[in-house]
Every structure is written in C-alpha cells, then in structure tokens.
Amino acid sequence: GQMATGLTGSRRVGIIVMLLIATTPWVFLMSQVDLEGNIQMVLAVTVACWCLAKADRSGDVRWWWGAGAALAIGVFTYSIARLLIPLLLLVALTCFWRRGARALRGLLLPPIAAAVVLGAWWLDNPGALLARYSSVGLFANHPSLLGAAARFATNYLTYASPQFLLIQGDGNLRQTTGVGGVLPAVAVPLIVIGILRMWR
C-alpha cells in the first residue's frame, strides 16, 4: 500500500491495493504456511521497489542504499531469489544508470557484498546453493535446451490461464486452497482498467 501510494501519489490507490492484497488468496495462504522464504522474498523485493521509487523522486542517496540493502537481504531469503535478485538489479540498472555514481554505489555495493558472502559459502559447500532449484527447476531431469525452453513456455502460460488466476489456482494444495484462483475476482476489472489507463 505504501509503495502504491508513493508511485501514484494517491492514498486512495494505496488503500485499494492494501485491501486487495489482504483478500488475495495466494498472499494470505503463503503468509500462513510458507514463512520460511517466499513471503520474505516478496517483502524484500517490495521494499526494494518502494525505495527505488522514493530514490527516483527525491534523489536522496539513502533511498538508493535502502534499495540495495533490500536486494542484498533478498538474496538470502529463498533459492529462486538467487536468480531473481540479479535480474531485478539488471532491470534497475537499465532504468537508473543515469542517476550518478553515488546512486549506483548505494544500489550496487550491498548486493555485491551479499554475492561475496554467497560465493565464499559456495566454495565451502559446492552445489548447495542451487540444490533445491536443480531438483525442481527448468533443468531438472537434464532436458535439452529446447526441452527446457518448451517447459518454460508451457509452465509460464499456465500462470495466465483463468483456471490458475480465478477458478482453482495451483494444483498443489500447499500453494492454494483449491477454491478460487490466486486472484480475487474483484481484481479483474481493476486490472483491466489499469491496463487501459497505461495504454492511453
């Protein structure tokens, strides 16, 4: 809600976002059963995005350091974050590379320090950092590059299906209730309105 308010300048938008998040089945379920990583990763990414929005508007170097710190912490939250965080950092650099050396130092140094820590641990524990991902990720069971690409496309498309979003959700009941999708139905018209506003 705070990030939505900061990005739009509207408290009303922030309140609507908070209400939607509070009633979104996936977020509620994950907050109850998956506190060890997923929710903390989402929190770290959200804080980083909020700090980036504040930094871009205010120019205060402390917000850049806040974003960098949040991304650095995010690396330690969940296995997939070790791939997600570098990608988010790359996107941030693409968007904000003109903000100057002080801003980039704040954004880059904390994640670099986190990478050094992870690298040192990886040297002592080879293969452990991606052990979970290697068993459930795209390259589990050692598919060809084409097979992995097909698996990615197939899996990704399921996330945009009405079955996943509105009707049933994830087939794994650890991730969803099986009643309703991962989004509340009330969010659909708001998403459509948002897309139309962005298009204009």
Protein backbone atom coordinates (compact mmCIF):
# COMPACT_ATOMS: atom_id res chain seq x y z
CA GLY A 1 0.00 0.00 0.00
CA GLN A 2 2.80 2.38 0.86
CA MET A 3 4.55 1.65 -2.42
CA ALA A 4 1.34 2.14 -4.40
CA THR A 5 0.78 5.49 -2.67
CA GLY A 6 4.36 6.54 -3.36
CA LEU A 7 4.18 5.57 -7.03
CA THR A 8 0.81 7.16 -7.74
CA GLY A 9 0.64 9.95 -5.18
CA SER A 10 -2.86 8.77 -4.22
CA ARG A 11 -3.76 7.47 -0.78
CA ARG A 12 -6.97 6.06 -2.24
CA VAL A 13 -4.97 3.84 -4.59
CA GLY A 14 -2.80 2.72 -1.67
CA ILE A 15 -5.86 1.74 0.38
CA ILE A 16 -7.37 -0.20 -2.54
CA VAL A 17 -4.08 -2.06 -3.06
CA MET A 18 -3.88 -2.96 0.65
CA LEU A 19 -7.45 -4.26 0.63
CA LEU A 20 -6.79 -6.36 -2.48
CA ILE A 21 -3.60 -7.81 -1.02
CA ALA A 22 -5.36 -8.59 2.25
CA THR A 23 -8.02 -10.57 0.38
CA THR A 24 -5.80 -12.19 -2.27
CA PRO A 25 -5.90 -15.94 -1.54
CA TRP A 26 -2.30 -16.66 -2.60
CA VAL A 27 -0.80 -13.95 -0.41
CA PHE A 28 -2.94 -14.96 2.58
CA LEU A 29 -2.11 -18.66 2.21
CA MET A 30 1.60 -18.10 1.75
CA SER A 31 1.71 -15.84 4.79
CA GLN A 32 0.24 -18.67 6.87
CA VAL A 33 2.15 -21.71 5.64
CA ASP A 34 5.34 -20.51 3.97
CA LEU A 35 7.03 -18.04 6.26
CA GLU A 36 10.49 -19.50 5.71
CA GLY A 37 11.21 -17.92 2.37
CA ASN A 38 8.59 -16.97 -0.19
CA ILE A 39 6.91 -14.18 1.75
CA GLN A 40 10.23 -12.79 2.95
CA MET A 41 11.47 -12.71 -0.64
CA VAL A 42 8.33 -10.86 -1.73
CA LEU A 43 8.81 -8.43 1.17
CA ALA A 44 12.44 -7.76 0.22
CA VAL A 45 11.54 -7.17 -3.43
CA THR A 46 8.63 -4.89 -2.45
CA VAL A 47 10.83 -2.83 -0.12
CA ALA A 48 13.47 -2.56 -2.85
CA CYS A 49 10.89 -1.32 -5.38
CA TRP A 50 9.50 1.16 -2.88
CA CYS A 51 12.99 2.50 -2.10
CA LEU A 52 13.75 2.81 -5.82
CA ALA A 53 10.54 4.78 -6.36
CA LYS A 54 11.40 7.10 -3.45
CA ALA A 55 15.01 7.45 -4.63
CA ASP A 56 13.95 8.33 -8.15
CA ARG A 57 11.57 11.03 -6.91
CA SER A 58 13.65 12.51 -4.09
CA GLY A 59 17.20 11.93 -5.27
CA ASP A 60 18.18 11.16 -1.66
CA VAL A 61 21.10 8.73 -1.74
CA ARG A 62 19.81 6.95 1.39
CA TRP A 63 16.92 5.51 -0.62
CA TRP A 64 19.40 4.03 -3.12
CA TRP A 65 21.24 2.36 -0.24
CA GLY A 66 17.89 1.15 1.09
CA ALA A 67 17.06 -0.44 -2.26
CA GLY A 68 20.50 -2.06 -2.45
CA ALA A 69 20.20 -3.38 1.10
CA ALA A 70 16.75 -4.85 0.43
CA LEU A 71 18.02 -6.62 -2.69
CA ALA A 72 21.03 -7.91 -0.76
CA ILE A 73 18.82 -9.31 2.01
CA GLY A 74 16.51 -10.80 -0.61
CA VAL A 75 19.34 -12.99 -1.91
CA PHE A 76 19.31 -14.91 1.39
CA THR A 77 15.55 -15.47 1.61
CA TYR A 78 14.79 -18.19 -0.93
CA SER A 79 16.62 -20.26 -3.53
CA ILE A 80 14.92 -18.70 -6.56
CA ALA A 81 15.89 -15.26 -5.24
CA ARG A 82 19.49 -16.01 -6.24
CA LEU A 83 18.30 -15.78 -9.82
CA LEU A 84 15.52 -13.21 -9.36
CA ILE A 85 17.55 -10.59 -7.49
CA PRO A 86 20.34 -10.28 -10.13
CA LEU A 87 17.65 -9.94 -12.82
CA LEU A 88 15.87 -7.21 -10.83
CA LEU A 89 19.20 -5.49 -10.28
CA LEU A 90 19.86 -5.58 -14.03
CA VAL A 91 16.44 -4.01 -14.69
CA ALA A 92 17.12 -1.32 -12.07
CA LEU A 93 20.49 -0.52 -13.63
CA THR A 94 18.88 -0.30 -17.07
CA CYS A 95 16.32 2.20 -15.73
CA PHE A 96 18.53 4.27 -13.41
CA TRP A 97 22.07 4.16 -14.82
CA ARG A 98 22.00 7.92 -15.42
CA ARG A 99 21.36 8.80 -11.78
CA GLY A 100 25.05 9.21 -10.98
CA ALA A 101 27.87 7.38 -9.23
CA ARG A 102 26.59 7.95 -5.68
CA ALA A 103 23.21 6.43 -6.52
CA LEU A 104 24.77 3.45 -8.28
CA ARG A 105 27.15 2.81 -5.39
CA GLY A 106 24.23 2.63 -2.99
CA LEU A 107 22.32 0.33 -5.31
CA LEU A 108 25.21 -1.98 -6.21
CA LEU A 109 27.50 -2.33 -3.19
CA PRO A 110 25.10 -4.18 -0.84
CA PRO A 111 24.18 -6.86 -3.45
CA ILE A 112 27.86 -7.23 -4.35
CA ALA A 113 28.69 -7.79 -0.68
CA ALA A 114 25.89 -10.39 -0.49
CA ALA A 115 27.30 -12.10 -3.59
CA VAL A 116 30.75 -12.26 -1.97
CA VAL A 117 29.27 -13.93 1.12
CA LEU A 118 27.34 -16.41 -1.04
CA GLY A 119 30.42 -17.06 -3.14
CA ALA A 120 32.52 -17.84 -0.08
CA TRP A 121 29.85 -20.20 1.23
CA TRP A 122 29.55 -21.86 -2.19
CA LEU A 123 33.29 -22.57 -2.23
CA ASP A 124 32.92 -24.43 1.08
CA ASN A 125 29.67 -26.16 0.00
CA PRO A 126 29.82 -26.81 -3.76
CA GLY A 127 26.42 -27.26 -5.38
CA ALA A 128 24.44 -26.47 -2.22
CA LEU A 129 23.26 -23.02 -3.30
CA LEU A 130 21.19 -24.35 -6.21
CA ALA A 131 20.46 -27.85 -4.89
CA ARG A 132 16.74 -27.20 -4.50
CA TYR A 133 16.46 -25.47 -7.86
CA SER A 134 18.28 -28.29 -9.63
CA SER A 135 15.62 -30.72 -8.45
CA VAL A 136 12.53 -28.64 -9.32
CA GLY A 137 13.74 -26.07 -11.86
CA LEU A 138 13.66 -25.97 -15.63
CA PHE A 139 16.71 -28.16 -15.97
CA ALA A 140 15.58 -30.89 -13.56
CA ASN A 141 15.99 -34.32 -15.19
CA HIS A 142 18.54 -32.75 -17.57
CA PRO A 143 16.37 -31.78 -20.57
CA SER A 144 17.89 -30.36 -23.73
CA LEU A 145 17.97 -26.59 -24.16
CA LEU A 146 14.97 -26.81 -26.47
CA GLY A 147 13.14 -29.03 -23.98
CA ALA A 148 13.85 -26.57 -21.16
CA ALA A 149 12.58 -23.69 -23.32
CA ALA A 150 9.39 -25.62 -24.09
CA ARG A 151 8.94 -26.40 -20.38
CA PHE A 152 9.37 -22.72 -19.52
CA ALA A 153 6.82 -21.59 -22.13
CA THR A 154 4.30 -24.24 -21.12
CA ASN A 155 4.61 -23.51 -17.40
CA TYR A 156 4.51 -19.76 -17.90
CA LEU A 157 1.36 -19.86 -19.99
CA THR A 158 -0.48 -21.75 -17.25
CA TYR A 159 0.01 -18.75 -14.95
CA ALA A 160 -2.07 -16.60 -17.30
CA SER A 161 -4.93 -19.08 -17.56
CA PRO A 162 -8.35 -18.40 -15.97
CA GLN A 163 -8.03 -21.81 -14.27
CA PHE A 164 -4.96 -20.63 -12.35
CA LEU A 165 -5.91 -16.99 -11.83
CA LEU A 166 -9.61 -17.22 -10.97
CA ILE A 167 -11.05 -20.75 -10.81
CA GLN A 168 -8.81 -23.21 -8.98
CA GLY A 169 -5.30 -21.87 -8.57
CA ASP A 170 -2.25 -24.08 -8.26
CA GLY A 171 -2.81 -27.82 -8.47
CA ASN A 172 -0.57 -28.21 -5.42
CA LEU A 173 -2.82 -27.61 -2.40
CA ARG A 174 0.18 -26.48 -0.41
CA GLN A 175 0.16 -23.38 -2.60
CA THR A 176 -3.59 -22.74 -2.81
CA THR A 177 -6.92 -23.73 -1.30
CA GLY A 178 -8.34 -25.26 -4.49
CA VAL A 179 -11.36 -22.97 -4.18
CA GLY A 180 -10.96 -19.88 -6.32
CA GLY A 181 -7.80 -18.79 -8.07
CA VAL A 182 -4.79 -16.86 -6.86
CA LEU A 183 -6.54 -13.55 -7.52
CA PRO A 184 -9.85 -12.32 -6.12
CA ALA A 185 -12.42 -11.85 -8.89
CA VAL A 186 -12.88 -8.22 -7.90
CA ALA A 187 -9.30 -7.56 -9.03
CA VAL A 188 -10.07 -8.41 -12.67
CA PRO A 189 -11.93 -5.19 -13.64
CA LEU A 190 -9.34 -3.14 -11.76
CA ILE A 191 -6.51 -4.85 -13.67
CA VAL A 192 -8.31 -4.22 -16.96
CA ILE A 193 -8.85 -0.56 -16.05
CA GLY A 194 -5.18 -0.25 -15.09
CA ILE A 195 -4.01 -1.75 -18.38
CA LEU A 196 -6.30 0.56 -20.36
CA ARG A 197 -5.02 3.61 -18.43
CA MET A 198 -1.41 2.59 -19.07
CA TRP A 199 -2.17 2.03 -22.75
CA ARG A 200 -3.52 5.57 -23.05
